[in-house]
Amino acid sequence: MTAPEPSPGTVLPSLPDGVAPLAGDVAPGAAVDSVDGVDGVDGVLFDVDDTLVDTRGAFALAIDAVCEVYLPRLPVERYGEVLALWRSDPHGWYRAYTRGELTFDGQRMLRANELQETFGGVVLDEDGYAAWKTVFWGTFEESWRAHDDAAPVLARLAAAGVKVGALSNASVALQTDKLTRSGLSDVPMLVGVDTLGFGKPDPRVFVEACARLGTDPARTVYVGDELDVDARAAAAAGLTGVWIDRPGTRRGGPHEEDPEAARAAGVHVVATLDEVGDLVLARR
């Protein structure tokens, strides 16, 4: 629905410095700074990993743990390189999983062996991978923590009557557990990769999440840390796409990570979840 033109003399609430207006009706390819107003926002959908939960930090600790056991000759100062390769996933194996082309363990074993081969470790067979996974996963799940700005923005949105929910490219059970362990159990995990059998960037998962949230896609914001499969895909599905580009957390490799290109495509770029609250609530 298109926002009505303000009547003469109407003063619209001002946005915080540096915050662009939400673009609920931005045409594909239209830059966000070309929009003067916006209809209300009824709901906000969040990605989980590296949006609400500091998954990068948990991965760092898990990678340190497997490096100590499975890459014992690798200097500690190179552990960051291992983490960077894990997160960049240059062959796109995790995304193949989200398309239903690989199993969860299948993609992870490929990625584990990529680390082993790249950094001088022994290639893992099925038994070796099972042992590797025990070390990795035990550390990973014990290290889940919410980002410091997650609970405050959720509280602000709830106080304003804005519905919230989560949409993720991991399984519903896994992400529900992750949110609970991270102290965010009030966020309903609405759609995972196992809900429809595929994940983002397919527009159907965004539409399904809005249906479960009870909001019109045109009045729903989606916030995620990956520009292409999160923010741009959400915008293509009819939502308002927001890319949270936290300083120092980009994945690199094949991932799209150009803020100016994002803005030119109608995507909002923020550095914190506090800015998401400002975007959503400034015109309510």
Protein backbone atom coordinates (compact mmCIF):
# COMPACT_ATOMS: atom_id res chain seq x y z
CA MET A 1 0.00 0.00 0.00
CA THR A 2 1.36 3.42 -0.95
CA ALA A 3 1.66 6.05 1.75
CA PRO A 4 -0.71 9.02 1.23
CA GLU A 5 0.77 12.40 0.51
CA PRO A 6 0.92 14.53 3.68
CA SER A 7 -1.56 17.39 3.76
CA PRO A 8 -0.19 20.93 3.45
CA GLY A 9 1.40 22.06 6.67
CA THR A 10 1.83 18.51 8.01
CA VAL A 11 5.14 18.07 9.80
CA LEU A 12 6.48 14.54 9.58
CA PRO A 13 8.49 13.19 12.51
CA SER A 14 12.19 13.59 11.86
CA LEU A 15 14.50 10.59 11.63
CA PRO A 16 17.68 10.32 13.68
CA ASP A 17 20.81 11.74 12.03
CA GLY A 18 22.22 9.38 9.43
CA VAL A 19 19.13 7.14 9.30
CA ALA A 20 17.35 6.85 5.95
CA PRO A 21 13.56 6.50 5.86
CA LEU A 22 12.10 3.02 5.49
CA ALA A 23 11.18 2.16 1.93
CA GLY A 24 8.13 -0.05 2.19
CA ASP A 25 7.14 0.74 -1.40
CA VAL A 26 10.54 1.21 -3.00
CA ALA A 27 10.52 -0.08 -6.55
CA PRO A 28 13.24 -2.63 -7.37
CA GLY A 29 16.47 -0.79 -8.00
CA ALA A 30 15.32 2.51 -6.47
CA ALA A 31 17.76 4.09 -4.06
CA VAL A 32 16.42 4.40 -0.53
CA ASP A 33 17.25 8.08 -0.23
CA SER A 34 14.68 8.85 -2.94
CA VAL A 35 11.77 7.97 -0.61
CA ASP A 36 10.15 10.72 1.45
CA GLY A 37 7.66 8.73 3.54
CA VAL A 38 6.54 5.26 4.50
CA ASP A 39 3.48 3.38 5.68
CA GLY A 40 3.55 1.91 9.17
CA VAL A 41 5.49 -1.22 9.99
CA ASP A 42 3.53 -3.98 11.69
CA GLY A 43 6.24 -6.58 12.04
CA VAL A 44 9.99 -7.19 11.99
CA LEU A 45 11.52 -10.51 11.03
CA PHE A 46 15.09 -11.19 12.09
CA ASP A 47 17.74 -13.54 10.85
CA VAL A 48 19.33 -15.39 13.78
CA ASP A 49 23.02 -16.00 13.12
CA ASP A 50 25.18 -12.88 13.33
CA THR A 51 22.03 -10.76 13.50
CA LEU A 52 20.52 -11.58 16.89
CA VAL A 53 23.14 -14.10 18.02
CA ASP A 54 26.92 -13.62 17.88
CA THR A 55 27.52 -16.77 15.87
CA ARG A 56 30.84 -15.47 14.56
CA GLY A 57 32.14 -15.31 18.13
CA ALA A 58 30.92 -18.85 18.80
CA PHE A 59 32.51 -20.08 15.57
CA ALA A 60 35.81 -18.47 16.58
CA LEU A 61 35.90 -20.45 19.82
CA ALA A 62 34.84 -23.66 18.06
CA ILE A 63 37.50 -23.22 15.39
CA ASP A 64 40.13 -22.60 18.07
CA ALA A 65 39.11 -25.88 19.71
CA VAL A 66 39.37 -27.99 16.54
CA CYS A 67 42.63 -26.29 15.54
CA GLU A 68 44.21 -27.33 18.81
CA VAL A 69 43.27 -30.97 18.23
CA TYR A 70 43.26 -31.39 14.45
CA LEU A 71 45.78 -28.78 13.30
CA PRO A 72 48.34 -29.05 16.13
CA ARG A 73 51.24 -27.71 14.03
CA LEU A 74 49.40 -24.58 12.99
CA PRO A 75 50.57 -21.48 14.90
CA VAL A 76 47.89 -19.93 17.08
CA GLU A 77 48.28 -16.64 15.28
CA ARG A 78 46.91 -18.31 12.12
CA TYR A 79 43.69 -19.50 13.73
CA GLY A 80 42.01 -16.37 12.41
CA GLU A 81 42.73 -17.53 8.86
CA VAL A 82 40.95 -20.79 9.58
CA LEU A 83 37.93 -18.92 10.89
CA ALA A 84 37.92 -16.64 7.85
CA LEU A 85 37.91 -19.61 5.47
CA TRP A 86 35.15 -21.32 7.45
CA ARG A 87 32.91 -18.25 7.37
CA SER A 88 33.55 -17.32 3.73
CA ASP A 89 32.63 -20.86 2.55
CA PRO A 90 34.05 -20.10 -0.93
CA HIS A 91 32.48 -23.15 -2.57
CA GLY A 92 29.02 -22.27 -1.26
CA TRP A 93 28.46 -25.63 0.42
CA TYR A 94 26.19 -24.24 3.13
CA ARG A 95 24.06 -22.50 0.54
CA ALA A 96 23.84 -25.80 -1.36
CA TYR A 97 22.41 -27.26 1.86
CA THR A 98 19.79 -24.51 2.00
CA ARG A 99 18.76 -25.43 -1.55
CA GLY A 100 18.31 -29.06 -0.52
CA GLU A 101 21.37 -30.26 -2.46
CA LEU A 102 23.43 -31.43 0.53
CA THR A 103 22.65 -32.70 4.01
CA PHE A 104 23.64 -30.60 7.01
CA ASP A 105 26.46 -32.98 7.95
CA GLY A 106 27.40 -33.41 4.30
CA GLN A 107 28.15 -29.72 3.85
CA ARG A 108 29.90 -29.51 7.17
CA MET A 109 32.18 -32.46 6.45
CA LEU A 110 33.18 -30.88 3.14
CA ARG A 111 33.98 -27.63 4.92
CA ALA A 112 35.87 -29.38 7.72
CA ASN A 113 38.04 -31.19 5.19
CA GLU A 114 38.66 -27.96 3.32
CA LEU A 115 40.18 -26.61 6.53
CA GLN A 116 42.22 -29.77 7.01
CA GLU A 117 43.58 -29.74 3.46
CA THR A 118 44.27 -25.99 3.40
CA PHE A 119 46.10 -25.84 6.71
CA GLY A 120 48.05 -29.11 6.66
CA GLY A 121 45.78 -31.46 8.57
CA VAL A 122 44.78 -35.05 7.87
CA VAL A 123 41.71 -35.54 5.70
CA LEU A 124 38.79 -36.80 7.77
CA ASP A 125 36.89 -39.99 6.98
CA GLU A 126 33.40 -40.59 8.39
CA ASP A 127 34.70 -41.65 11.82
CA GLY A 128 37.23 -38.84 11.86
CA TYR A 129 34.56 -36.31 11.00
CA ALA A 130 32.29 -37.62 13.76
CA ALA A 131 35.07 -37.03 16.29
CA TRP A 132 35.86 -33.61 14.79
CA LYS A 133 32.18 -32.66 15.05
CA THR A 134 32.11 -33.58 18.73
CA VAL A 135 34.92 -31.14 19.46
CA PHE A 136 33.51 -28.44 17.20
CA TRP A 137 29.88 -28.67 18.19
CA GLY A 138 30.48 -29.05 21.91
CA THR A 139 32.36 -25.76 21.96
CA PHE A 140 30.06 -24.04 19.47
CA GLU A 141 26.77 -24.57 21.27
CA GLU A 142 28.24 -23.67 24.65
CA SER A 143 29.40 -20.35 23.18
CA TRP A 144 26.10 -18.99 21.85
CA ARG A 145 25.48 -15.46 23.11
CA ALA A 146 23.08 -12.75 22.02
CA HIS A 147 24.51 -9.56 20.60
CA ASP A 148 24.36 -6.78 23.17
CA ASP A 149 21.91 -4.79 21.05
CA ALA A 150 19.46 -7.68 20.50
CA ALA A 151 17.43 -7.62 23.72
CA PRO A 152 17.08 -3.80 23.80
CA VAL A 153 15.69 -3.53 20.26
CA LEU A 154 13.32 -6.44 20.87
CA ALA A 155 12.04 -4.69 24.00
CA ARG A 156 11.56 -1.41 22.11
CA LEU A 157 9.61 -3.12 19.35
CA ALA A 158 7.45 -5.07 21.78
CA ALA A 159 6.64 -1.93 23.75
CA ALA A 160 5.49 -0.27 20.52
CA GLY A 161 3.27 -3.22 19.59
CA VAL A 162 5.43 -4.35 16.66
CA LYS A 163 5.34 -8.10 16.07
CA VAL A 164 8.70 -9.88 15.88
CA GLY A 165 9.81 -13.30 14.71
CA ALA A 166 12.79 -15.14 13.27
CA LEU A 167 13.46 -16.56 9.81
CA SER A 168 16.67 -18.51 9.29
CA ASN A 169 18.49 -20.77 6.86
CA ALA A 170 19.09 -23.31 9.62
CA SER A 171 16.60 -25.78 11.07
CA VAL A 172 13.79 -24.62 13.33
CA ALA A 173 14.88 -26.90 16.19
CA LEU A 174 18.50 -25.73 16.05
CA GLN A 175 17.61 -22.06 15.95
CA THR A 176 14.97 -22.37 18.65
CA ASP A 177 17.61 -23.92 20.90
CA LYS A 178 20.09 -21.21 19.94
CA LEU A 179 17.66 -18.40 20.73
CA THR A 180 16.73 -20.02 24.05
CA ARG A 181 20.35 -20.55 25.12
CA SER A 182 21.09 -16.96 24.14
CA GLY A 183 18.31 -15.55 26.32
CA LEU A 184 16.02 -14.68 23.41
CA SER A 185 13.32 -17.29 23.90
CA ASP A 186 10.60 -14.66 23.44
CA VAL A 187 11.44 -14.51 19.72
CA PRO A 188 9.34 -17.14 17.91
CA MET A 189 11.32 -19.17 15.39
CA LEU A 190 8.82 -19.05 12.53
CA VAL A 191 10.52 -20.48 9.45
CA GLY A 192 13.70 -22.50 9.02
CA VAL A 193 15.29 -24.29 6.11
CA ASP A 194 13.29 -27.39 7.03
CA THR A 195 9.90 -25.64 7.04
CA LEU A 196 9.42 -25.64 3.27
CA GLY A 197 12.44 -27.77 2.37
CA PHE A 198 14.51 -24.84 1.13
CA GLY A 199 15.66 -21.49 2.43
CA LYS A 200 16.50 -17.93 1.53
CA PRO A 201 16.78 -16.30 -0.98
CA ASP A 202 13.63 -18.03 -2.26
CA PRO A 203 10.82 -15.45 -1.86
CA ARG A 204 8.40 -18.10 -0.63
CA VAL A 205 10.18 -18.41 2.72
CA PHE A 206 9.75 -14.68 3.37
CA VAL A 207 6.08 -14.81 2.43
CA GLU A 208 5.57 -17.85 4.66
CA ALA A 209 7.28 -16.12 7.58
CA CYS A 210 5.02 -13.08 7.16
CA ALA A 211 1.97 -15.32 7.09
CA ARG A 212 3.04 -16.96 10.34
CA LEU A 213 3.83 -13.59 11.88
CA GLY A 214 0.44 -12.29 10.77
CA THR A 215 1.68 -9.31 8.79
CA ASP A 216 1.51 -8.10 5.22
CA PRO A 217 4.95 -8.37 3.54
CA ALA A 218 4.61 -4.73 2.45
CA ARG A 219 4.39 -3.73 6.13
CA THR A 220 7.15 -6.06 7.32
CA VAL A 221 10.88 -5.44 7.74
CA TYR A 222 13.47 -8.19 7.42
CA VAL A 223 16.88 -7.75 9.05
CA GLY A 224 19.86 -9.96 8.24
CA ASP A 225 23.63 -9.93 8.05
CA GLU A 226 23.99 -11.21 4.47
CA LEU A 227 23.25 -8.63 1.82
CA ASP A 228 22.14 -10.95 -0.97
CA VAL A 229 20.23 -13.79 0.71
CA ASP A 230 18.84 -11.59 3.49
CA ALA A 231 18.22 -7.95 2.65
CA ARG A 232 18.06 -7.99 -1.15
CA ALA A 233 16.07 -11.22 -1.19
CA ALA A 234 13.61 -9.80 1.34
CA ALA A 235 13.14 -6.70 -0.78
CA ALA A 236 12.54 -8.86 -3.85
CA ALA A 237 9.84 -10.72 -1.90
CA GLY A 238 8.02 -7.47 -1.12
CA LEU A 239 9.40 -6.75 2.37
CA THR A 240 11.64 -3.90 3.44
CA GLY A 241 15.18 -5.28 3.42
CA VAL A 242 17.71 -4.19 6.02
CA TRP A 243 21.34 -5.32 5.92
CA ILE A 244 23.09 -5.20 9.29
CA ASP A 245 26.72 -4.62 8.41
CA ARG A 246 28.41 -4.90 11.79
CA PRO A 247 31.97 -3.50 11.78
CA GLY A 248 34.60 -6.20 11.37
CA THR A 249 32.18 -9.08 10.77
CA ARG A 250 31.96 -9.41 6.99
CA ARG A 251 32.41 -12.92 5.56
CA GLY A 252 34.44 -12.02 2.48
CA GLY A 253 34.93 -14.47 -0.36
CA PRO A 254 31.96 -14.66 -2.74
CA HIS A 255 29.55 -12.75 -0.51
CA GLU A 256 28.07 -9.45 -1.70
CA GLU A 257 29.20 -6.76 0.73
CA ASP A 258 29.04 -3.35 -0.98
CA PRO A 259 27.07 -0.82 1.13
CA GLU A 260 26.68 1.71 -1.68
CA ALA A 261 25.39 -0.91 -4.10
CA ALA A 262 23.00 -2.06 -1.38
CA ARG A 263 21.59 1.42 -0.85
CA ALA A 264 21.28 1.96 -4.59
CA ALA A 265 19.19 -1.22 -4.77
CA GLY A 266 16.78 0.06 -2.11
CA VAL A 267 18.29 -1.80 0.83
CA HIS A 268 18.80 -0.08 4.19
CA VAL A 269 22.27 -0.48 5.67
CA VAL A 270 22.76 -0.28 9.43
CA ALA A 271 25.64 -1.07 11.75
CA THR A 272 23.61 -1.95 14.85
CA LEU A 273 20.18 -3.23 15.80
CA ASP A 274 19.60 0.06 17.63
CA GLU A 275 19.38 1.67 14.19
CA VAL A 276 16.72 -0.86 13.20
CA GLY A 277 14.62 0.30 16.12
CA ASP A 278 15.09 3.89 14.99
CA LEU A 279 14.03 3.04 11.44
CA VAL A 280 10.92 1.18 12.49
CA LEU A 281 9.73 3.41 15.30
CA ALA A 282 10.55 6.88 14.02
CA ARG A 283 7.25 7.16 12.10
CA ARG A 284 4.92 5.20 14.39
